[in-house]
Amino acid sequence: MPSYEESLKITCELLRRRMDTVRDIRPSDHIQRDLGLDSLAVMEFASDIETRFDINIPTELLEALSTVDDVSRAILKLSAGARP
């Protein structure tokens, strides 16, 4: 199971691959508003997360994830087998 810092670092790395611009990513950044991912890029990012961490993000949870921190915390809970 990854630590929060590990999940945050990997989340940021995966996000950078989907962004059109180069900038620092903060945990409080909104994935769509601040980082500029459109709905297709968000779905691809979610797929990247699922593959990298070998987890399944339920649709209703995915819709509730808006910030980088939200994603990192969800990874921890899903990796531990708990529901966020």
PDB file of N, CA and C in Angstrom:
ATOM      1  N   MET A   1       0.846  -1.180   0.000  1.00  0.00           N
ATOM      2  CA  MET A   1       0.000   0.000   0.000  1.00  0.00           C
ATOM      3  C   MET A   1       0.892   1.246   0.000  1.00  0.00           C
ATOM      4  N   PRO A   2       0.592   2.188  -0.883  1.00  0.00           N
ATOM      5  CA  PRO A   2       1.422   3.395  -0.956  1.00  0.00           C
ATOM      6  C   PRO A   2       1.160   4.339   0.214  1.00  0.00           C
ATOM      7  N   SER A   3       2.137   5.172   0.517  1.00  0.00           N
ATOM      8  CA  SER A   3       1.936   6.235   1.504  1.00  0.00           C
ATOM      9  C   SER A   3       1.241   7.396   0.799  1.00  0.00           C
ATOM     10  N   TYR A   4       0.759   8.358   1.584  1.00  0.00           N
ATOM     11  CA  TYR A   4       0.131   9.534   0.986  1.00  0.00           C
ATOM     12  C   TYR A   4       1.117  10.262   0.081  1.00  0.00           C
ATOM     13  N   GLU A   5       2.336  10.458   0.552  1.00  0.00           N
ATOM     14  CA  GLU A   5       3.347  11.173  -0.231  1.00  0.00           C
ATOM     15  C   GLU A   5       3.630  10.458  -1.552  1.00  0.00           C
ATOM     16  N   GLU A   6       3.686   9.137  -1.490  1.00  0.00           N
ATOM     17  CA  GLU A   6       3.924   8.343  -2.687  1.00  0.00           C
ATOM     18  C   GLU A   6       2.759   8.469  -3.670  1.00  0.00           C
ATOM     19  N   SER A   7       1.542   8.345  -3.158  1.00  0.00           N
ATOM     20  CA  SER A   7       0.379   8.451  -4.042  1.00  0.00           C
ATOM     21  C   SER A   7       0.274   9.857  -4.630  1.00  0.00           C
ATOM     22  N   LEU A   8       0.602  10.878  -3.843  1.00  0.00           N
ATOM     23  CA  LEU A   8       0.572  12.252  -4.333  1.00  0.00           C
ATOM     24  C   LEU A   8       1.619  12.448  -5.434  1.00  0.00           C
ATOM     25  N   LYS A   9       2.816  11.955  -5.217  1.00  0.00           N
ATOM     26  CA  LYS A   9       3.887  12.090  -6.211  1.00  0.00           C
ATOM     27  C   LYS A   9       3.506  11.414  -7.525  1.00  0.00           C
ATOM     28  N   ILE A  10       3.003  10.210  -7.457  1.00  0.00           N
ATOM     29  CA  ILE A  10       2.634   9.474  -8.665  1.00  0.00           C
ATOM     30  C   ILE A  10       1.421  10.122  -9.332  1.00  0.00           C
ATOM     31  N   THR A  11       0.471  10.591  -8.533  1.00  0.00           N
ATOM     32  CA  THR A  11      -0.692  11.295  -9.087  1.00  0.00           C
ATOM     33  C   THR A  11      -0.234  12.506  -9.885  1.00  0.00           C
ATOM     34  N   CYS A  12       0.685  13.274  -9.351  1.00  0.00           N
ATOM     35  CA  CYS A  12       1.204  14.463 -10.042  1.00  0.00           C
ATOM     36  C   CYS A  12       1.934  14.075 -11.330  1.00  0.00           C
ATOM     37  N   GLU A  13       2.718  13.003 -11.274  1.00  0.00           N
ATOM     38  CA  GLU A  13       3.421  12.540 -12.474  1.00  0.00           C
ATOM     39  C   GLU A  13       2.438  12.144 -13.568  1.00  0.00           C
ATOM     40  N   LEU A  14       1.390  11.430 -13.196  1.00  0.00           N
ATOM     41  CA  LEU A  14       0.390  11.004 -14.174  1.00  0.00           C
ATOM     42  C   LEU A  14      -0.396  12.193 -14.719  1.00  0.00           C
ATOM     43  N   LEU A  15      -0.670  13.164 -13.871  1.00  0.00           N
ATOM     44  CA  LEU A  15      -1.365  14.364 -14.330  1.00  0.00           C
ATOM     45  C   LEU A  15      -0.531  15.150 -15.335  1.00  0.00           C
ATOM     46  N   ARG A  16       0.755  15.269 -15.082  1.00  0.00           N
ATOM     47  CA  ARG A  16       1.639  16.019 -15.987  1.00  0.00           C
ATOM     48  C   ARG A  16       1.582  15.476 -17.412  1.00  0.00           C
ATOM     49  N   ARG A  17       1.406  14.182 -17.540  1.00  0.00           N
ATOM     50  CA  ARG A  17       1.318  13.559 -18.867  1.00  0.00           C
ATOM     51  C   ARG A  17       0.072  14.004 -19.623  1.00  0.00           C
ATOM     52  N   ARG A  18      -0.937  14.430 -18.896  1.00  0.00           N
ATOM     53  CA  ARG A  18      -2.226  14.801 -19.501  1.00  0.00           C
ATOM     54  C   ARG A  18      -2.405  16.304 -19.647  1.00  0.00           C
ATOM     55  N   MET A  19      -1.493  17.087 -19.095  1.00  0.00           N
ATOM     56  CA  MET A  19      -1.635  18.549 -19.115  1.00  0.00           C
ATOM     57  C   MET A  19      -1.025  19.152 -20.374  1.00  0.00           C
ATOM     58  N   ASP A  20      -1.622  20.249 -20.824  1.00  0.00           N
ATOM     59  CA  ASP A  20      -1.117  20.971 -21.990  1.00  0.00           C
ATOM     60  C   ASP A  20      -0.005  21.934 -21.628  1.00  0.00           C
ATOM     61  N   THR A  21       0.059  22.343 -20.368  1.00  0.00           N
ATOM     62  CA  THR A  21       1.070  23.309 -19.931  1.00  0.00           C
ATOM     63  C   THR A  21       1.967  22.687 -18.873  1.00  0.00           C
ATOM     64  N   VAL A  22       3.120  23.293 -18.674  1.00  0.00           N
ATOM     65  CA  VAL A  22       4.045  22.842 -17.641  1.00  0.00           C
ATOM     66  C   VAL A  22       3.932  23.809 -16.469  1.00  0.00           C
ATOM     67  N   ARG A  23       3.571  23.276 -15.319  1.00  0.00           N
ATOM     68  CA  ARG A  23       3.459  24.095 -14.108  1.00  0.00           C
ATOM     69  C   ARG A  23       3.545  23.184 -12.896  1.00  0.00           C
ATOM     70  N   ASP A  24       3.806  23.793 -11.745  1.00  0.00           N
ATOM     71  CA  ASP A  24       3.791  23.028 -10.500  1.00  0.00           C
ATOM     72  C   ASP A  24       2.361  22.589 -10.209  1.00  0.00           C
ATOM     73  N   ILE A  25       2.247  21.427  -9.620  1.00  0.00           N
ATOM     74  CA  ILE A  25       0.938  20.901  -9.243  1.00  0.00           C
ATOM     75  C   ILE A  25       0.872  20.865  -7.725  1.00  0.00           C
ATOM     76  N   ARG A  26      -0.171  21.468  -7.182  1.00  0.00           N
ATOM     77  CA  ARG A  26      -0.387  21.490  -5.727  1.00  0.00           C
ATOM     78  C   ARG A  26      -1.538  20.554  -5.362  1.00  0.00           C
ATOM     79  N   PRO A  27      -1.538  20.006  -4.154  1.00  0.00           N
ATOM     80  CA  PRO A  27      -2.632  19.128  -3.742  1.00  0.00           C
ATOM     81  C   PRO A  27      -4.010  19.795  -3.838  1.00  0.00           C
ATOM     82  N   SER A  28      -4.056  21.104  -3.657  1.00  0.00           N
ATOM     83  CA  SER A  28      -5.343  21.812  -3.683  1.00  0.00           C
ATOM     84  C   SER A  28      -5.828  22.141  -5.092  1.00  0.00           C
ATOM     85  N   ASP A  29      -5.017  21.862  -6.114  1.00  0.00           N
ATOM     86  CA  ASP A  29      -5.406  22.171  -7.489  1.00  0.00           C
ATOM     87  C   ASP A  29      -6.616  21.345  -7.920  1.00  0.00           C
ATOM     88  N   HIS A  30      -7.564  22.029  -8.555  1.00  0.00           N
ATOM     89  CA  HIS A  30      -8.729  21.367  -9.147  1.00  0.00           C
ATOM     90  C   HIS A  30      -8.276  20.771 -10.479  1.00  0.00           C
ATOM     91  N   ILE A  31      -8.601  19.526 -10.697  1.00  0.00           N
ATOM     92  CA  ILE A  31      -8.087  18.815 -11.858  1.00  0.00           C
ATOM     93  C   ILE A  31      -8.541  19.450 -13.174  1.00  0.00           C
ATOM     94  N   GLN A  32      -9.781  19.883 -13.235  1.00  0.00           N
ATOM     95  CA  GLN A  32     -10.267  20.480 -14.478  1.00  0.00           C
ATOM     96  C   GLN A  32     -10.045  21.991 -14.513  1.00  0.00           C
ATOM     97  N   ARG A  33     -10.468  22.684 -13.488  1.00  0.00           N
ATOM     98  CA  ARG A  33     -10.360  24.155 -13.494  1.00  0.00           C
ATOM     99  C   ARG A  33      -8.918  24.649 -13.479  1.00  0.00           C
ATOM    100  N   ASP A  34      -8.112  24.134 -12.558  1.00  0.00           N
ATOM    101  CA  ASP A  34      -6.746  24.634 -12.401  1.00  0.00           C
ATOM    102  C   ASP A  34      -5.745  23.990 -13.356  1.00  0.00           C
ATOM    103  N   LEU A  35      -5.913  22.691 -13.608  1.00  0.00           N
ATOM    104  CA  LEU A  35      -4.931  21.971 -14.411  1.00  0.00           C
ATOM    105  C   LEU A  35      -5.354  21.815 -15.871  1.00  0.00           C
ATOM    106  N   GLY A  36      -6.599  22.140 -16.177  1.00  0.00           N
ATOM    107  CA  GLY A  36      -7.051  22.193 -17.559  1.00  0.00           C
ATOM    108  C   GLY A  36      -7.405  20.878 -18.223  1.00  0.00           C
ATOM    109  N   LEU A  37      -7.605  19.804 -17.455  1.00  0.00           N
ATOM    110  CA  LEU A  37      -7.991  18.543 -18.074  1.00  0.00           C
ATOM    111  C   LEU A  37      -9.458  18.598 -18.479  1.00  0.00           C
ATOM    112  N   ASP A  38      -9.751  18.139 -19.690  1.00  0.00           N
ATOM    113  CA  ASP A  38     -11.145  18.046 -20.106  1.00  0.00           C
ATOM    114  C   ASP A  38     -11.690  16.687 -19.674  1.00  0.00           C
ATOM    115  N   SER A  39     -12.949  16.415 -19.970  1.00  0.00           N
ATOM    116  CA  SER A  39     -13.571  15.188 -19.470  1.00  0.00           C
ATOM    117  C   SER A  39     -12.886  13.932 -20.014  1.00  0.00           C
ATOM    118  N   LEU A  40     -12.445  13.954 -21.265  1.00  0.00           N
ATOM    119  CA  LEU A  40     -11.741  12.798 -21.815  1.00  0.00           C
ATOM    120  C   LEU A  40     -10.404  12.586 -21.112  1.00  0.00           C
ATOM    121  N   ALA A  41      -9.670  13.665 -20.888  1.00  0.00           N
ATOM    122  CA  ALA A  41      -8.381  13.558 -20.196  1.00  0.00           C
ATOM    123  C   ALA A  41      -8.574  13.059 -18.763  1.00  0.00           C
ATOM    124  N   VAL A  42      -9.664  13.454 -18.113  1.00  0.00           N
ATOM    125  CA  VAL A  42      -9.943  12.977 -16.754  1.00  0.00           C
ATOM    126  C   VAL A  42     -10.171  11.464 -16.774  1.00  0.00           C
ATOM    127  N   MET A  43     -10.915  10.977 -17.758  1.00  0.00           N
ATOM    128  CA  MET A  43     -11.166   9.538 -17.855  1.00  0.00           C
ATOM    129  C   MET A  43      -9.856   8.783 -18.138  1.00  0.00           C
ATOM    130  N   GLU A  44      -9.013   9.334 -18.988  1.00  0.00           N
ATOM    131  CA  GLU A  44      -7.728   8.703 -19.275  1.00  0.00           C
ATOM    132  C   GLU A  44      -6.826   8.721 -18.040  1.00  0.00           C
ATOM    133  N   PHE A  45      -6.863   9.825 -17.303  1.00  0.00           N
ATOM    134  CA  PHE A  45      -6.099   9.937 -16.065  1.00  0.00           C
ATOM    135  C   PHE A  45      -6.582   8.892 -15.053  1.00  0.00           C
ATOM    136  N   ALA A  46      -7.892   8.737 -14.934  1.00  0.00           N
ATOM    137  CA  ALA A  46      -8.452   7.736 -14.017  1.00  0.00           C
ATOM    138  C   ALA A  46      -7.991   6.338 -14.411  1.00  0.00           C
ATOM    139  N   SER A  47      -7.957   6.069 -15.699  1.00  0.00           N
ATOM    140  CA  SER A  47      -7.472   4.772 -16.184  1.00  0.00           C
ATOM    141  C   SER A  47      -5.997   4.580 -15.843  1.00  0.00           C
ATOM    142  N   ASP A  48      -5.215   5.659 -15.989  1.00  0.00           N
ATOM    143  CA  ASP A  48      -3.801   5.604 -15.606  1.00  0.00           C
ATOM    144  C   ASP A  48      -3.650   5.249 -14.131  1.00  0.00           C
ATOM    145  N   ILE A  49      -4.451   5.886 -13.275  1.00  0.00           N
ATOM    146  CA  ILE A  49      -4.411   5.640 -11.821  1.00  0.00           C
ATOM    147  C   ILE A  49      -4.772   4.187 -11.529  1.00  0.00           C
ATOM    148  N   GLU A  50      -5.850   3.713 -12.154  1.00  0.00           N
ATOM    149  CA  GLU A  50      -6.292   2.337 -11.911  1.00  0.00           C
ATOM    150  C   GLU A  50      -5.204   1.333 -12.307  1.00  0.00           C
ATOM    151  N   THR A  51      -4.588   1.569 -13.446  1.00  0.00           N
ATOM    152  CA  THR A  51      -3.529   0.668 -13.916  1.00  0.00           C
ATOM    153  C   THR A  51      -2.308   0.730 -13.006  1.00  0.00           C
ATOM    154  N   ARG A  52      -1.879   1.928 -12.678  1.00  0.00           N
ATOM    155  CA  ARG A  52      -0.656   2.101 -11.875  1.00  0.00           C
ATOM    156  C   ARG A  52      -0.788   1.510 -10.473  1.00  0.00           C
ATOM    157  N   PHE A  53      -1.966   1.688  -9.864  1.00  0.00           N
ATOM    158  CA  PHE A  53      -2.153   1.237  -8.486  1.00  0.00           C
ATOM    159  C   PHE A  53      -2.946  -0.068  -8.371  1.00  0.00           C
ATOM    160  N   ASP A  54      -3.346  -0.632  -9.510  1.00  0.00           N
ATOM    161  CA  ASP A  54      -4.121  -1.871  -9.531  1.00  0.00           C
ATOM    162  C   ASP A  54      -5.369  -1.759  -8.647  1.00  0.00           C
ATOM    163  N   ILE A  55      -6.140  -0.695  -8.903  1.00  0.00           N
ATOM    164  CA  ILE A  55      -7.386  -0.455  -8.170  1.00  0.00           C
ATOM    165  C   ILE A  55      -8.487  -0.187  -9.180  1.00  0.00           C
ATOM    166  N   ASN A  56      -9.723  -0.184  -8.712  1.00  0.00           N
ATOM    167  CA  ASN A  56     -10.872   0.173  -9.530  1.00  0.00           C
ATOM    168  C   ASN A  56     -11.549   1.371  -8.878  1.00  0.00           C
ATOM    169  N   ILE A  57     -11.696   2.449  -9.622  1.00  0.00           N
ATOM    170  CA  ILE A  57     -12.360   3.644  -9.100  1.00  0.00           C
ATOM    171  C   ILE A  57     -13.812   3.607  -9.560  1.00  0.00           C
ATOM    172  N   PRO A  58     -14.755   3.395  -8.645  1.00  0.00           N
ATOM    173  CA  PRO A  58     -16.166   3.382  -9.032  1.00  0.00           C
ATOM    174  C   PRO A  58     -16.585   4.726  -9.636  1.00  0.00           C
ATOM    175  N   THR A  59     -17.506   4.683 -10.578  1.00  0.00           N
ATOM    176  CA  THR A  59     -17.941   5.889 -11.280  1.00  0.00           C
ATOM    177  C   THR A  59     -18.409   6.976 -10.337  1.00  0.00           C
ATOM    178  N   GLU A  60     -19.202   6.606  -9.334  1.00  0.00           N
ATOM    179  CA  GLU A  60     -19.720   7.624  -8.411  1.00  0.00           C
ATOM    180  C   GLU A  60     -18.599   8.281  -7.614  1.00  0.00           C
ATOM    181  N   LEU A  61     -17.552   7.524  -7.320  1.00  0.00           N
ATOM    182  CA  LEU A  61     -16.394   8.102  -6.626  1.00  0.00           C
ATOM    183  C   LEU A  61     -15.611   9.007  -7.569  1.00  0.00           C
ATOM    184  N   LEU A  62     -15.410   8.568  -8.789  1.00  0.00           N
ATOM    185  CA  LEU A  62     -14.683   9.365  -9.771  1.00  0.00           C
ATOM    186  C   LEU A  62     -15.341  10.732  -9.950  1.00  0.00           C
ATOM    187  N   GLU A  63     -16.656  10.755  -9.979  1.00  0.00           N
ATOM    188  CA  GLU A  63     -17.382  12.016 -10.143  1.00  0.00           C
ATOM    189  C   GLU A  63     -17.186  12.949  -8.948  1.00  0.00           C
ATOM    190  N   ALA A  64     -16.857  12.396  -7.791  1.00  0.00           N
ATOM    191  CA  ALA A  64     -16.682  13.198  -6.576  1.00  0.00           C
ATOM    192  C   ALA A  64     -15.247  13.698  -6.388  1.00  0.00           C
ATOM    193  N   LEU A  65     -14.317  13.181  -7.170  1.00  0.00           N
ATOM    194  CA  LEU A  65     -12.916  13.578  -7.039  1.00  0.00           C
ATOM    195  C   LEU A  65     -12.670  14.839  -7.855  1.00  0.00           C
ATOM    196  N   SER A  66     -12.304  15.919  -7.174  1.00  0.00           N
ATOM    197  CA  SER A  66     -12.098  17.156  -7.915  1.00  0.00           C
ATOM    198  C   SER A  66     -10.680  17.709  -7.787  1.00  0.00           C
ATOM    199  N   THR A  67     -10.011  17.432  -6.675  1.00  0.00           N
ATOM    200  CA  THR A  67      -8.659  17.981  -6.486  1.00  0.00           C
ATOM    201  C   THR A  67      -7.613  16.863  -6.512  1.00  0.00           C
ATOM    202  N   VAL A  68      -6.379  17.269  -6.634  1.00  0.00           N
ATOM    203  CA  VAL A  68      -5.263  16.325  -6.616  1.00  0.00           C
ATOM    204  C   VAL A  68      -5.242  15.582  -5.274  1.00  0.00           C
ATOM    205  N   ASP A  69      -5.497  16.293  -4.197  1.00  0.00           N
ATOM    206  CA  ASP A  69      -5.546  15.691  -2.865  1.00  0.00           C
ATOM    207  C   ASP A  69      -6.656  14.644  -2.782  1.00  0.00           C
ATOM    208  N   ASP A  70      -7.830  14.944  -3.349  1.00  0.00           N
ATOM    209  CA  ASP A  70      -8.935  13.977  -3.354  1.00  0.00           C
ATOM    210  C   ASP A  70      -8.496  12.663  -3.991  1.00  0.00           C
ATOM    211  N   VAL A  71      -7.808  12.759  -5.115  1.00  0.00           N
ATOM    212  CA  VAL A  71      -7.362  11.562  -5.834  1.00  0.00           C
ATOM    213  C   VAL A  71      -6.351  10.792  -4.996  1.00  0.00           C
ATOM    214  N   SER A  72      -5.391  11.487  -4.424  1.00  0.00           N
ATOM    215  CA  SER A  72      -4.353  10.827  -3.620  1.00  0.00           C
ATOM    216  C   SER A  72      -4.954  10.108  -2.416  1.00  0.00           C
ATOM    217  N   ARG A  73      -5.897  10.728  -1.768  1.00  0.00           N
ATOM    218  CA  ARG A  73      -6.546  10.097  -0.604  1.00  0.00           C
ATOM    219  C   ARG A  73      -7.413   8.903  -1.028  1.00  0.00           C
ATOM    220  N   ALA A  74      -8.084   9.014  -2.162  1.00  0.00           N
ATOM    221  CA  ALA A  74      -8.895   7.900  -2.665  1.00  0.00           C
ATOM    222  C   ALA A  74      -8.007   6.699  -2.995  1.00  0.00           C
ATOM    223  N   ILE A  75      -6.841   6.966  -3.556  1.00  0.00           N
ATOM    224  CA  ILE A  75      -5.901   5.885  -3.870  1.00  0.00           C
ATOM    225  C   ILE A  75      -5.540   5.124  -2.600  1.00  0.00           C
ATOM    226  N   LEU A  76      -5.253   5.848  -1.524  1.00  0.00           N
ATOM    227  CA  LEU A  76      -4.901   5.200  -0.257  1.00  0.00           C
ATOM    228  C   LEU A  76      -6.017   4.294   0.234  1.00  0.00           C
ATOM    229  N   LYS A  77      -7.229   4.808   0.212  1.00  0.00           N
ATOM    230  CA  LYS A  77      -8.368   4.034   0.726  1.00  0.00           C
ATOM    231  C   LYS A  77      -8.691   2.854  -0.167  1.00  0.00           C
ATOM    232  N   LEU A  78      -8.649   3.063  -1.482  1.00  0.00           N
ATOM    233  CA  LEU A  78      -8.934   1.953  -2.399  1.00  0.00           C
ATOM    234  C   LEU A  78      -7.829   0.917  -2.350  1.00  0.00           C
ATOM    235  N   SER A  79      -6.603   1.328  -2.174  1.00  0.00           N
ATOM    236  CA  SER A  79      -5.485   0.386  -2.066  1.00  0.00           C
ATOM    237  C   SER A  79      -5.594  -0.459  -0.811  1.00  0.00           C
ATOM    238  N   ALA A  80      -6.173   0.125   0.224  1.00  0.00           N
ATOM    239  CA  ALA A  80      -6.337  -0.588   1.493  1.00  0.00           C
ATOM    240  C   ALA A  80      -7.596  -1.450   1.488  1.00  0.00           C
ATOM    241  N   GLY A  81      -8.371  -1.364   0.399  1.00  0.00           N
ATOM    242  CA  GLY A  81      -9.587  -2.157   0.307  1.00  0.00           C
ATOM    243  C   GLY A  81     -10.782  -1.511   0.963  1.00  0.00           C
ATOM    244  N   ALA A  82     -10.616  -0.271   1.434  1.00  0.00           N
ATOM    245  CA  ALA A  82     -11.736   0.437   2.060  1.00  0.00           C
ATOM    246  C   ALA A  82     -12.386   1.355   1.051  1.00  0.00           C
ATOM    247  N   ARG A  83     -13.589   1.702   1.321  1.00  0.00           N
ATOM    248  CA  ARG A  83     -14.326   2.626   0.446  1.00  0.00           C
ATOM    249  C   ARG A  83     -14.116   4.044   0.961  1.00  0.00           C
ATOM    250  N   PRO A  84     -13.645   4.994   0.119  1.00  0.00           N
ATOM    251  CA  PRO A  84     -13.419   6.367   0.579  1.00  0.00           C
ATOM    252  C   PRO A  84     -14.692   7.044   1.025  1.00  0.00           C
TER     253      PRO A  84
END
